Amino acid sequence: MSRVLALSGSLRAASFNTQILHTLPALAPEGMHIELFEHLGDLPHFSEDLETDPPAAVRRLWRAIADADGLIVATPEYNGALPGVLKNALDWASRPYGAGVLPGHAAMVLSASPGIFGGIRAQMQLRELFAQLNVYVVGGPQVAIPEVHTRLDLSAEPAERLTDPTATAACR
């Protein structure tokens, strides 16, 4: 069984990106277990001074990524950019230099936004960052979901919540 760790770049309780990640286990192929890491807000601001004796929240993130076979990262776009909480988590995951748990992983990247561009600018920044961090972004369709508030039905069963057929097909 493959284990995939899902990370949402939003801390908002009603985050569209987090809601999409919650639908993915129902869309996953047999033999794939998707687990959402829900502790990004617990991470302190990145500081090299904390690397030698990292806080428990950092060790929890490192352990979750190390135990995963792959990643799914969903990001909103704030002011045309990658959210700070996600960048902070990825900075922690890339450390200590040369021995971080993040490099070498494969990742699927998606973005969703109420705007017409679907968070594509944040997604492109994330893809660029992953290239720098030696994370292999899975090819295939680019999943950017514009006007996401019109493409989620939270009253539906998990496998049916994402109402955009193109996005649903890409997430399978």
Protein backbone atom coordinates (compact mmCIF):
# COMPACT_ATOMS: atom_id res chain seq x y z
CA MET A 1 0.00 0.00 0.00
CA SER A 2 1.33 3.44 -0.86
CA ARG A 3 1.05 6.19 1.71
CA VAL A 4 0.53 9.74 0.48
CA LEU A 5 0.73 12.78 2.73
CA ALA A 6 -1.54 15.70 1.84
CA LEU A 7 -0.63 19.26 2.82
CA SER A 8 -2.94 22.25 2.56
CA GLY A 9 -1.45 25.71 2.28
CA SER A 10 -4.39 27.21 4.14
CA LEU A 11 -5.13 27.35 7.84
CA ARG A 12 -8.67 28.66 7.30
CA ALA A 13 -11.30 26.39 8.87
CA ALA A 14 -13.44 26.40 5.71
CA SER A 15 -10.50 26.31 3.28
CA PHE A 16 -11.44 25.21 -0.22
CA ASN A 17 -8.05 23.57 -0.69
CA THR A 18 -8.40 21.58 2.52
CA GLN A 19 -11.93 20.54 1.53
CA ILE A 20 -10.59 19.28 -1.80
CA LEU A 21 -7.89 17.29 0.00
CA HIS A 22 -10.61 15.71 2.16
CA THR A 23 -12.29 14.42 -1.04
CA LEU A 24 -9.16 12.72 -2.38
CA PRO A 25 -9.23 9.52 -0.29
CA ALA A 26 -12.58 8.70 -1.90
CA LEU A 27 -11.06 9.25 -5.36
CA ALA A 28 -7.79 7.42 -4.69
CA PRO A 29 -7.05 4.15 -6.43
CA GLU A 30 -7.16 0.96 -4.42
CA GLY A 31 -3.99 0.48 -2.43
CA MET A 32 -3.36 4.19 -1.88
CA HIS A 33 -3.84 5.69 1.57
CA ILE A 34 -4.05 9.51 1.70
CA GLU A 35 -3.55 11.20 5.05
CA LEU A 36 -4.01 14.93 5.62
CA PHE A 37 -1.36 16.60 7.80
CA GLU A 38 -3.31 19.12 9.83
CA HIS A 39 -0.58 20.70 11.95
CA LEU A 40 1.06 23.34 9.74
CA GLY A 41 -0.25 26.05 12.04
CA ASP A 42 1.71 24.52 14.93
CA LEU A 43 5.07 25.08 13.26
CA PRO A 44 7.21 27.95 14.54
CA HIS A 45 8.68 30.40 12.05
CA PHE A 46 11.67 28.76 10.45
CA SER A 47 14.98 29.47 12.18
CA GLU A 48 18.28 27.69 11.71
CA ASP A 49 18.84 28.28 15.43
CA LEU A 50 16.16 25.64 16.15
CA GLU A 51 17.46 22.96 13.78
CA THR A 52 19.67 21.10 16.24
CA ASP A 53 16.85 20.71 18.77
CA PRO A 54 13.65 21.24 16.78
CA PRO A 55 10.28 21.71 18.47
CA ALA A 56 7.87 18.75 18.58
CA ALA A 57 5.74 20.23 15.78
CA VAL A 58 8.74 20.23 13.44
CA ARG A 59 9.65 16.65 14.35
CA ARG A 60 6.02 15.63 13.68
CA LEU A 61 6.21 17.17 10.19
CA TRP A 62 9.56 15.52 9.48
CA ARG A 63 8.24 12.13 10.60
CA ALA A 64 5.05 12.43 8.51
CA ILE A 65 6.98 13.32 5.35
CA ALA A 66 9.66 10.68 5.95
CA ASP A 67 6.95 8.01 6.33
CA ALA A 68 5.17 9.06 3.12
CA ASP A 69 5.75 7.56 -0.30
CA GLY A 70 4.58 10.79 -1.95
CA LEU A 71 2.92 14.13 -1.36
CA ILE A 72 -0.15 16.00 -2.52
CA VAL A 73 0.08 19.73 -1.92
CA ALA A 74 -2.92 22.01 -2.37
CA THR A 75 -2.35 25.72 -2.27
CA PRO A 76 -4.51 28.80 -2.29
CA GLU A 77 -3.14 32.05 -3.62
CA TYR A 78 -2.78 35.03 -1.31
CA ASN A 79 -1.98 38.35 -2.99
CA GLY A 80 -0.71 36.52 -6.06
CA ALA A 81 1.69 34.35 -4.09
CA LEU A 82 2.29 31.14 -2.17
CA PRO A 83 0.92 31.29 1.40
CA GLY A 84 3.51 31.93 4.09
CA VAL A 85 2.40 28.95 6.20
CA LEU A 86 3.13 26.56 3.32
CA LYS A 87 6.51 28.14 2.54
CA ASN A 88 7.41 27.92 6.23
CA ALA A 89 6.52 24.21 6.33
CA LEU A 90 8.55 23.49 3.21
CA ASP A 91 11.52 25.39 4.63
CA TRP A 92 11.37 23.19 7.73
CA ALA A 93 10.97 20.02 5.63
CA SER A 94 14.04 20.84 3.56
CA ARG A 95 16.26 21.11 6.63
CA PRO A 96 18.79 20.41 8.00
CA TYR A 97 20.73 21.26 4.87
CA GLY A 98 21.64 18.13 2.95
CA ALA A 99 19.63 15.87 5.26
CA GLY A 100 16.05 17.13 5.00
CA VAL A 101 13.14 14.70 4.62
CA LEU A 102 11.61 16.51 1.63
CA PRO A 103 14.18 16.11 -1.18
CA GLY A 104 13.61 13.08 -3.39
CA HIS A 105 9.86 12.85 -2.82
CA ALA A 106 7.34 12.93 -5.65
CA ALA A 107 4.48 15.40 -5.35
CA MET A 108 1.20 16.23 -7.02
CA VAL A 109 0.45 19.95 -6.93
CA LEU A 110 -2.97 21.53 -7.15
CA SER A 111 -4.40 24.95 -6.47
CA ALA A 112 -7.88 26.31 -5.99
CA SER A 113 -9.16 29.83 -5.59
CA PRO A 114 -12.44 31.73 -5.83
CA GLY A 115 -10.73 33.91 -8.46
CA ILE A 116 -10.67 33.30 -12.19
CA PHE A 117 -7.09 32.00 -12.27
CA GLY A 118 -7.51 29.19 -9.75
CA GLY A 119 -4.36 29.98 -7.79
CA ILE A 120 -2.10 29.31 -10.75
CA ARG A 121 0.50 31.93 -9.73
CA ALA A 122 0.94 30.31 -6.31
CA GLN A 123 1.09 26.90 -7.98
CA MET A 124 3.83 28.05 -10.33
CA GLN A 125 5.81 29.40 -7.37
CA LEU A 126 5.35 26.07 -5.59
CA ARG A 127 6.56 24.16 -8.65
CA GLU A 128 9.63 26.41 -8.86
CA LEU A 129 10.34 25.91 -5.16
CA PHE A 130 9.97 22.13 -5.52
CA ALA A 131 12.51 22.15 -8.37
CA GLN A 132 14.96 23.95 -6.06
CA LEU A 133 14.25 21.45 -3.25
CA ASN A 134 14.67 18.35 -5.45
CA VAL A 135 11.01 17.34 -5.19
CA TYR A 136 9.70 15.71 -8.35
CA VAL A 137 6.37 17.18 -9.42
CA VAL A 138 4.21 14.50 -10.99
CA GLY A 139 3.43 15.29 -14.61
CA GLY A 140 0.03 15.14 -16.18
CA PRO A 141 -2.69 17.72 -16.14
CA GLN A 142 -2.10 20.91 -14.25
CA VAL A 143 -4.85 21.09 -11.63
CA ALA A 144 -5.88 24.69 -11.03
CA ILE A 145 -9.50 25.12 -10.01
CA PRO A 146 -10.87 28.63 -10.63
CA GLU A 147 -14.07 29.86 -9.01
CA VAL A 148 -13.75 26.90 -6.65
CA HIS A 149 -16.74 28.02 -4.57
CA THR A 150 -18.93 27.04 -7.55
CA ARG A 151 -17.20 23.65 -8.01
CA LEU A 152 -17.56 22.10 -4.57
CA ASP A 153 -20.73 20.52 -3.19
CA LEU A 154 -20.09 19.79 0.47
CA SER A 155 -23.51 18.15 0.88
CA ALA A 156 -22.52 15.38 -1.55
CA GLU A 157 -20.71 12.14 -0.76
CA PRO A 158 -16.90 12.64 -0.65
CA ALA A 159 -16.26 11.15 -4.11
CA GLU A 160 -18.88 13.49 -5.61
CA ARG A 161 -18.01 16.76 -3.82
CA LEU A 162 -15.71 18.12 -6.50
CA THR A 163 -18.18 18.91 -9.28
CA ASP A 164 -15.66 19.91 -11.94
CA PRO A 165 -15.17 16.76 -14.07
CA THR A 166 -11.74 17.81 -15.35
CA ALA A 167 -10.42 18.41 -11.84
CA THR A 168 -12.01 15.20 -10.58
CA ALA A 169 -10.38 13.17 -13.36
CA ALA A 170 -6.99 14.74 -12.66
CA CYS A 171 -7.27 13.91 -8.95
CA ARG A 172 -8.01 10.22 -9.51
